[in-house]
């Protein structure tokens, strides 16, 4: 799918919410929040472009650790 849509999206100037995501991870922005969703049954680590706050734990993080089918809610 990326091979077909990649050039079309690039030509249209469409940019990902967060570049360089591991396979199976989706990122979405909702207002000030960045939502990360792991769609696979394996652990995934997502490096963030700048430190963010994990809304659930309140901790400042430079990366998000997503367990199998895990999620993270982050705020700048």
PDB file of N, CA and C in Angstrom:
ATOM      1  N   UNK A   1       0.823  -1.179   0.000  1.00  0.00           N
ATOM      2  CA  UNK A   1       0.000   0.000   0.000  1.00  0.00           C
ATOM      3  C   UNK A   1       0.875   1.254   0.000  1.00  0.00           C
ATOM      4  N   UNK A   2       1.941   1.251   0.823  1.00  0.00           N
ATOM      5  CA  UNK A   2       2.833   2.404   0.855  1.00  0.00           C
ATOM      6  C   UNK A   2       3.489   2.656  -0.500  1.00  0.00           C
ATOM      7  N   UNK A   3       3.803   1.573  -1.211  1.00  0.00           N
ATOM      8  CA  UNK A   3       4.441   1.734  -2.515  1.00  0.00           C
ATOM      9  C   UNK A   3       3.525   2.441  -3.503  1.00  0.00           C
ATOM     10  N   UNK A   4       2.230   2.225  -3.371  1.00  0.00           N
ATOM     11  CA  UNK A   4       1.271   2.850  -4.283  1.00  0.00           C
ATOM     12  C   UNK A   4       0.925   4.263  -3.830  1.00  0.00           C
ATOM     13  N   UNK A   5       0.590   4.409  -2.558  1.00  0.00           N
ATOM     14  CA  UNK A   5       0.132   5.710  -2.067  1.00  0.00           C
ATOM     15  C   UNK A   5       1.256   6.666  -1.691  1.00  0.00           C
ATOM     16  N   UNK A   6       2.416   6.135  -1.339  1.00  0.00           N
ATOM     17  CA  UNK A   6       3.533   6.976  -0.911  1.00  0.00           C
ATOM     18  C   UNK A   6       3.846   8.117  -1.868  1.00  0.00           C
ATOM     19  N   UNK A   7       4.083   7.823  -3.155  1.00  0.00           N
ATOM     20  CA  UNK A   7       4.381   8.902  -4.102  1.00  0.00           C
ATOM     21  C   UNK A   7       3.231   9.891  -4.279  1.00  0.00           C
ATOM     22  N   UNK A   8       2.006   9.413  -4.229  1.00  0.00           N
ATOM     23  CA  UNK A   8       0.842  10.296  -4.380  1.00  0.00           C
ATOM     24  C   UNK A   8       0.751  11.248  -3.187  1.00  0.00           C
ATOM     25  N   UNK A   9       0.900  10.714  -1.978  1.00  0.00           N
ATOM     26  CA  UNK A   9       0.839  11.550  -0.782  1.00  0.00           C
ATOM     27  C   UNK A   9       1.980  12.565  -0.757  1.00  0.00           C
ATOM     28  N   UNK A  10       3.157  12.131  -1.157  1.00  0.00           N
ATOM     29  CA  UNK A  10       4.309  13.037  -1.198  1.00  0.00           C
ATOM     30  C   UNK A  10       4.085  14.163  -2.198  1.00  0.00           C
ATOM     31  N   UNK A  11       3.578  13.827  -3.369  1.00  0.00           N
ATOM     32  CA  UNK A  11       3.306  14.844  -4.389  1.00  0.00           C
ATOM     33  C   UNK A  11       2.249  15.845  -3.919  1.00  0.00           C
ATOM     34  N   UNK A  12       1.322  15.381  -3.073  1.00  0.00           N
ATOM     35  CA  UNK A  12       0.262  16.261  -2.569  1.00  0.00           C
ATOM     36  C   UNK A  12       0.715  17.055  -1.343  1.00  0.00           C
ATOM     37  N   UNK A  13       1.926  16.780  -0.848  1.00  0.00           N
ATOM     38  CA  UNK A  13       2.438  17.505   0.308  1.00  0.00           C
ATOM     39  C   UNK A  13       1.904  17.018   1.639  1.00  0.00           C
ATOM     40  N   UNK A  14       1.329  15.821   1.664  1.00  0.00           N
ATOM     41  CA  UNK A  14       0.795  15.263   2.909  1.00  0.00           C
ATOM     42  C   UNK A  14       1.956  14.767   3.768  1.00  0.00           C
ATOM     43  N   UNK A  15       1.978  15.189   5.023  1.00  0.00           N
ATOM     44  CA  UNK A  15       3.029  14.803   5.961  1.00  0.00           C
ATOM     45  C   UNK A  15       2.436  13.923   7.056  1.00  0.00           C
ATOM     46  N   UNK A  16       3.207  12.948   7.554  1.00  0.00           N
ATOM     47  CA  UNK A  16       2.699  12.114   8.655  1.00  0.00           C
ATOM     48  C   UNK A  16       2.611  12.922   9.949  1.00  0.00           C
ATOM     49  N   UNK A  17       1.766  12.491  10.849  1.00  0.00           N
ATOM     50  CA  UNK A  17       1.653  13.122  12.165  1.00  0.00           C
ATOM     51  C   UNK A  17       2.987  13.019  12.893  1.00  0.00           C
ATOM     52  N   UNK A  18       3.622  11.859  12.810  1.00  0.00           N
ATOM     53  CA  UNK A  18       4.917  11.619  13.443  1.00  0.00           C
ATOM     54  C   UNK A  18       5.717  10.704  12.518  1.00  0.00           C
ATOM     55  N   UNK A  19       6.807  11.221  11.994  1.00  0.00           N
ATOM     56  CA  UNK A  19       7.609  10.453  11.036  1.00  0.00           C
ATOM     57  C   UNK A  19       8.400   9.355  11.736  1.00  0.00           C
ATOM     58  N   UNK A  20       8.702   8.302  11.004  1.00  0.00           N
ATOM     59  CA  UNK A  20       9.570   7.242  11.492  1.00  0.00           C
ATOM     60  C   UNK A  20       8.944   6.286  12.490  1.00  0.00           C
ATOM     61  N   UNK A  21       7.654   6.111  12.433  1.00  0.00           N
ATOM     62  CA  UNK A  21       6.992   5.184  13.356  1.00  0.00           C
ATOM     63  C   UNK A  21       7.367   3.742  13.044  1.00  0.00           C
ATOM     64  N   UNK A  22       7.468   2.904  14.070  1.00  0.00           N
ATOM     65  CA  UNK A  22       7.716   1.480  13.821  1.00  0.00           C
ATOM     66  C   UNK A  22       6.505   0.853  13.122  1.00  0.00           C
ATOM     67  N   UNK A  23       6.718  -0.246  12.429  1.00  0.00           N
ATOM     68  CA  UNK A  23       5.601  -0.924  11.766  1.00  0.00           C
ATOM     69  C   UNK A  23       4.504  -1.280  12.772  1.00  0.00           C
ATOM     70  N   UNK A  24       3.264  -1.035  12.384  1.00  0.00           N
ATOM     71  CA  UNK A  24       2.128  -1.388  13.219  1.00  0.00           C
ATOM     72  C   UNK A  24       1.706  -0.315  14.201  1.00  0.00           C
ATOM     73  N   UNK A  25       2.409   0.825  14.225  1.00  0.00           N
ATOM     74  CA  UNK A  25       2.065   1.907  15.153  1.00  0.00           C
ATOM     75  C   UNK A  25       1.418   3.059  14.388  1.00  0.00           C
ATOM     76  N   UNK A  26       0.339   3.571  14.944  1.00  0.00           N
ATOM     77  CA  UNK A  26      -0.411   4.681  14.353  1.00  0.00           C
ATOM     78  C   UNK A  26      -0.320   5.880  15.293  1.00  0.00           C
ATOM     79  N   UNK A  27      -0.196   7.073  14.726  1.00  0.00           N
ATOM     80  CA  UNK A  27      -0.193   8.305  15.517  1.00  0.00           C
ATOM     81  C   UNK A  27      -1.320   9.201  15.029  1.00  0.00           C
ATOM     82  N   UNK A  28      -1.985   9.865  15.976  1.00  0.00           N
ATOM     83  CA  UNK A  28      -3.061  10.802  15.634  1.00  0.00           C
ATOM     84  C   UNK A  28      -2.988  11.982  16.585  1.00  0.00           C
ATOM     85  N   UNK A  29      -3.284  13.148  16.074  1.00  0.00           N
ATOM     86  CA  UNK A  29      -3.351  14.354  16.916  1.00  0.00           C
ATOM     87  C   UNK A  29      -4.814  14.693  17.170  1.00  0.00           C
ATOM     88  N   UNK A  30      -5.098  15.029  18.411  1.00  0.00           N
ATOM     89  CA  UNK A  30      -6.431  15.485  18.809  1.00  0.00           C
ATOM     90  C   UNK A  30      -6.216  16.680  19.709  1.00  0.00           C
ATOM     91  N   UNK A  31      -6.318  17.891  19.158  1.00  0.00           N
ATOM     92  CA  UNK A  31      -6.030  19.091  19.930  1.00  0.00           C
ATOM     93  C   UNK A  31      -4.587  19.060  20.394  1.00  0.00           C
ATOM     94  N   UNK A  32      -4.338  19.271  21.684  1.00  0.00           N
ATOM     95  CA  UNK A  32      -2.960  19.280  22.186  1.00  0.00           C
ATOM     96  C   UNK A  32      -2.384  17.884  22.444  1.00  0.00           C
ATOM     97  N   UNK A  33      -3.149  16.850  22.153  1.00  0.00           N
ATOM     98  CA  UNK A  33      -2.738  15.491  22.493  1.00  0.00           C
ATOM     99  C   UNK A  33      -2.219  14.722  21.289  1.00  0.00           C
ATOM    100  N   UNK A  34      -1.217  13.885  21.541  1.00  0.00           N
ATOM    101  CA  UNK A  34      -0.710  12.940  20.549  1.00  0.00           C
ATOM    102  C   UNK A  34      -1.093  11.559  21.042  1.00  0.00           C
ATOM    103  N   UNK A  35      -1.852  10.835  20.243  1.00  0.00           N
ATOM    104  CA  UNK A  35      -2.282   9.483  20.583  1.00  0.00           C
ATOM    105  C   UNK A  35      -1.440   8.494  19.792  1.00  0.00           C
ATOM    106  N   UNK A  36      -0.894   7.513  20.469  1.00  0.00           N
ATOM    107  CA  UNK A  36      -0.128   6.453  19.817  1.00  0.00           C
ATOM    108  C   UNK A  36      -0.841   5.139  20.053  1.00  0.00           C
ATOM    109  N   UNK A  37      -1.032   4.377  18.984  1.00  0.00           N
ATOM    110  CA  UNK A  37      -1.722   3.094  19.072  1.00  0.00           C
ATOM    111  C   UNK A  37      -0.862   2.008  18.436  1.00  0.00           C
ATOM    112  N   UNK A  38      -0.609   0.953  19.187  1.00  0.00           N
ATOM    113  CA  UNK A  38       0.156  -0.176  18.696  1.00  0.00           C
ATOM    114  C   UNK A  38      -0.826  -1.253  18.247  1.00  0.00           C
ATOM    115  N   UNK A  39      -0.848  -1.535  16.966  1.00  0.00           N
ATOM    116  CA  UNK A  39      -1.797  -2.490  16.396  1.00  0.00           C
ATOM    117  C   UNK A  39      -1.240  -3.906  16.281  1.00  0.00           C
ATOM    118  N   UNK A  40      -0.070  -4.160  16.847  1.00  0.00           N
ATOM    119  CA  UNK A  40       0.539  -5.490  16.726  1.00  0.00           C
ATOM    120  C   UNK A  40       0.756  -6.103  18.112  1.00  0.00           C
ATOM    121  N   UNK A  41       0.979  -7.400  18.143  1.00  0.00           N
ATOM    122  CA  UNK A  41       1.142  -8.148  19.393  1.00  0.00           C
ATOM    123  C   UNK A  41       2.594  -8.174  19.854  1.00  0.00           C
ATOM    124  N   UNK A  42       3.351  -7.136  19.542  1.00  0.00           N
ATOM    125  CA  UNK A  42       4.749  -7.029  19.937  1.00  0.00           C
ATOM    126  C   UNK A  42       5.002  -5.665  20.568  1.00  0.00           C
ATOM    127  N   UNK A  43       5.991  -5.606  21.459  1.00  0.00           N
ATOM    128  CA  UNK A  43       6.399  -4.364  22.089  1.00  0.00           C
ATOM    129  C   UNK A  43       6.943  -3.400  21.024  1.00  0.00           C
ATOM    130  N   UNK A  44       6.636  -2.125  21.154  1.00  0.00           N
ATOM    131  CA  UNK A  44       7.149  -1.096  20.250  1.00  0.00           C
ATOM    132  C   UNK A  44       7.615   0.102  21.073  1.00  0.00           C
ATOM    133  N   UNK A  45       8.726   0.704  20.651  1.00  0.00           N
ATOM    134  CA  UNK A  45       9.212   1.941  21.255  1.00  0.00           C
ATOM    135  C   UNK A  45       9.134   3.039  20.201  1.00  0.00           C
ATOM    136  N   UNK A  46       8.559   4.170  20.570  1.00  0.00           N
ATOM    137  CA  UNK A  46       8.443   5.314  19.657  1.00  0.00           C
ATOM    138  C   UNK A  46       9.271   6.448  20.235  1.00  0.00           C
ATOM    139  N   UNK A  47      10.314   6.846  19.518  1.00  0.00           N
ATOM    140  CA  UNK A  47      11.127   7.989  19.928  1.00  0.00           C
ATOM    141  C   UNK A  47      10.398   9.260  19.526  1.00  0.00           C
ATOM    142  N   UNK A  48      10.326  10.201  20.445  1.00  0.00           N
ATOM    143  CA  UNK A  48       9.598  11.443  20.205  1.00  0.00           C
ATOM    144  C   UNK A  48      10.560  12.536  19.745  1.00  0.00           C
ATOM    145  N   UNK A  49      10.101  13.453  18.901  1.00  0.00           N
ATOM    146  CA  UNK A  49      10.982  14.509  18.403  1.00  0.00           C
ATOM    147  C   UNK A  49      11.385  15.506  19.496  1.00  0.00           C
ATOM    148  N   UNK A  50      10.580  15.598  20.546  1.00  0.00           N
ATOM    149  CA  UNK A  50      10.893  16.449  21.699  1.00  0.00           C
ATOM    150  C   UNK A  50      10.185  15.847  22.910  1.00  0.00           C
ATOM    151  N   UNK A  51      10.666  16.152  24.115  1.00  0.00           N
ATOM    152  CA  UNK A  51      10.025  15.586  25.311  1.00  0.00           C
ATOM    153  C   UNK A  51       8.545  15.962  25.391  1.00  0.00           C
ATOM    154  N   UNK A  52       7.754  15.025  25.866  1.00  0.00           N
ATOM    155  CA  UNK A  52       6.322  15.231  26.045  1.00  0.00           C
ATOM    156  C   UNK A  52       5.933  14.685  27.411  1.00  0.00           C
ATOM    157  N   UNK A  53       4.710  14.950  27.821  1.00  0.00           N
ATOM    158  CA  UNK A  53       4.208  14.450  29.100  1.00  0.00           C
ATOM    159  C   UNK A  53       3.232  13.312  28.832  1.00  0.00           C
ATOM    160  N   UNK A  54       3.469  12.184  29.485  1.00  0.00           N
ATOM    161  CA  UNK A  54       2.531  11.072  29.421  1.00  0.00           C
ATOM    162  C   UNK A  54       1.341  11.463  30.288  1.00  0.00           C
ATOM    163  N   UNK A  55       0.173  11.609  29.691  1.00  0.00           N
ATOM    164  CA  UNK A  55      -1.006  12.100  30.400  1.00  0.00           C
ATOM    165  C   UNK A  55      -1.436  11.145  31.514  1.00  0.00           C
ATOM    166  N   UNK A  56      -1.261   9.867  31.329  1.00  0.00           N
ATOM    167  CA  UNK A  56      -1.688   8.885  32.329  1.00  0.00           C
ATOM    168  C   UNK A  56      -0.783   8.914  33.558  1.00  0.00           C
ATOM    169  N   UNK A  57       0.538   8.907  33.341  1.00  0.00           N
ATOM    170  CA  UNK A  57       1.471   8.846  34.468  1.00  0.00           C
ATOM    171  C   UNK A  57       1.918  10.217  34.960  1.00  0.00           C
ATOM    172  N   UNK A  58       1.818  11.234  34.101  1.00  0.00           N
ATOM    173  CA  UNK A  58       2.298  12.571  34.443  1.00  0.00           C
ATOM    174  C   UNK A  58       3.794  12.741  34.261  1.00  0.00           C
ATOM    175  N   UNK A  59       4.478  11.691  33.798  1.00  0.00           N
ATOM    176  CA  UNK A  59       5.929  11.730  33.634  1.00  0.00           C
ATOM    177  C   UNK A  59       6.321  12.385  32.309  1.00  0.00           C
ATOM    178  N   UNK A  60       7.429  13.118  32.332  1.00  0.00           N
ATOM    179  CA  UNK A  60       8.009  13.646  31.099  1.00  0.00           C
ATOM    180  C   UNK A  60       8.769  12.504  30.427  1.00  0.00           C
ATOM    181  N   UNK A  61       8.562  12.331  29.129  1.00  0.00           N
ATOM    182  CA  UNK A  61       9.173  11.207  28.417  1.00  0.00           C
ATOM    183  C   UNK A  61       9.795  11.667  27.101  1.00  0.00           C
ATOM    184  N   UNK A  62      10.879  11.000  26.717  1.00  0.00           N
ATOM    185  CA  UNK A  62      11.526  11.254  25.428  1.00  0.00           C
ATOM    186  C   UNK A  62      11.147  10.176  24.418  1.00  0.00           C
ATOM    187  N   UNK A  63      10.537   9.101  24.914  1.00  0.00           N
ATOM    188  CA  UNK A  63      10.054   8.030  24.049  1.00  0.00           C
ATOM    189  C   UNK A  63       8.842   7.397  24.722  1.00  0.00           C
ATOM    190  N   UNK A  64       8.041   6.730  23.917  1.00  0.00           N
ATOM    191  CA  UNK A  64       6.849   6.053  24.435  1.00  0.00           C
ATOM    192  C   UNK A  64       7.034   4.556  24.252  1.00  0.00           C
ATOM    193  N   UNK A  65       6.876   3.819  25.322  1.00  0.00           N
ATOM    194  CA  UNK A  65       6.946   2.359  25.279  1.00  0.00           C
ATOM    195  C   UNK A  65       5.531   1.813  25.172  1.00  0.00           C
ATOM    196  N   UNK A  66       5.262   1.137  24.076  1.00  0.00           N
ATOM    197  CA  UNK A  66       3.930   0.594  23.826  1.00  0.00           C
ATOM    198  C   UNK A  66       3.977  -0.922  23.924  1.00  0.00           C
ATOM    199  N   UNK A  67       3.217  -1.464  24.838  1.00  0.00           N
ATOM    200  CA  UNK A  67       3.104  -2.910  24.935  1.00  0.00           C
ATOM    201  C   UNK A  67       2.274  -3.452  23.786  1.00  0.00           C
ATOM    202  N   UNK A  68       2.148  -4.770  23.689  1.00  0.00           N
ATOM    203  CA  UNK A  68       1.313  -5.346  22.638  1.00  0.00           C
ATOM    204  C   UNK A  68      -0.095  -4.741  22.669  1.00  0.00           C
ATOM    205  N   UNK A  69      -0.527  -4.227  21.555  1.00  0.00           N
ATOM    206  CA  UNK A  69      -1.829  -3.583  21.388  1.00  0.00           C
ATOM    207  C   UNK A  69      -2.013  -2.412  22.368  1.00  0.00           C
ATOM    208  N   UNK A  70      -0.884  -1.817  22.791  1.00  0.00           N
ATOM    209  CA  UNK A  70      -0.918  -0.743  23.769  1.00  0.00           C
ATOM    210  C   UNK A  70      -1.170   0.626  23.173  1.00  0.00           C
ATOM    211  N   UNK A  71      -1.419   1.580  24.060  1.00  0.00           N
ATOM    212  CA  UNK A  71      -1.658   2.959  23.649  1.00  0.00           C
ATOM    213  C   UNK A  71      -0.893   3.911  24.567  1.00  0.00           C
ATOM    214  N   UNK A  72      -0.708   5.122  24.083  1.00  0.00           N
ATOM    215  CA  UNK A  72      -0.139   6.189  24.897  1.00  0.00           C
ATOM    216  C   UNK A  72      -0.845   7.489  24.532  1.00  0.00           C
ATOM    217  N   UNK A  73      -1.085   8.307  25.545  1.00  0.00           N
ATOM    218  CA  UNK A  73      -1.657   9.635  25.336  1.00  0.00           C
ATOM    219  C   UNK A  73      -0.631  10.620  25.855  1.00  0.00           C
ATOM    220  N   UNK A  74      -0.143  11.480  24.965  1.00  0.00           N
ATOM    221  CA  UNK A  74       0.928  12.400  25.297  1.00  0.00           C
ATOM    222  C   UNK A  74       0.503  13.833  25.045  1.00  0.00           C
ATOM    223  N   UNK A  75       1.156  14.759  25.763  1.00  0.00           N
ATOM    224  CA  UNK A  75       0.868  16.195  25.590  1.00  0.00           C
ATOM    225  C   UNK A  75       2.202  16.927  25.575  1.00  0.00           C
ATOM    226  N   UNK A  76       2.320  17.924  24.703  1.00  0.00           N
ATOM    227  CA  UNK A  76       3.568  18.697  24.604  1.00  0.00           C
ATOM    228  C   UNK A  76       3.781  19.529  25.839  1.00  0.00           C
TER     229      UNK A  76
END
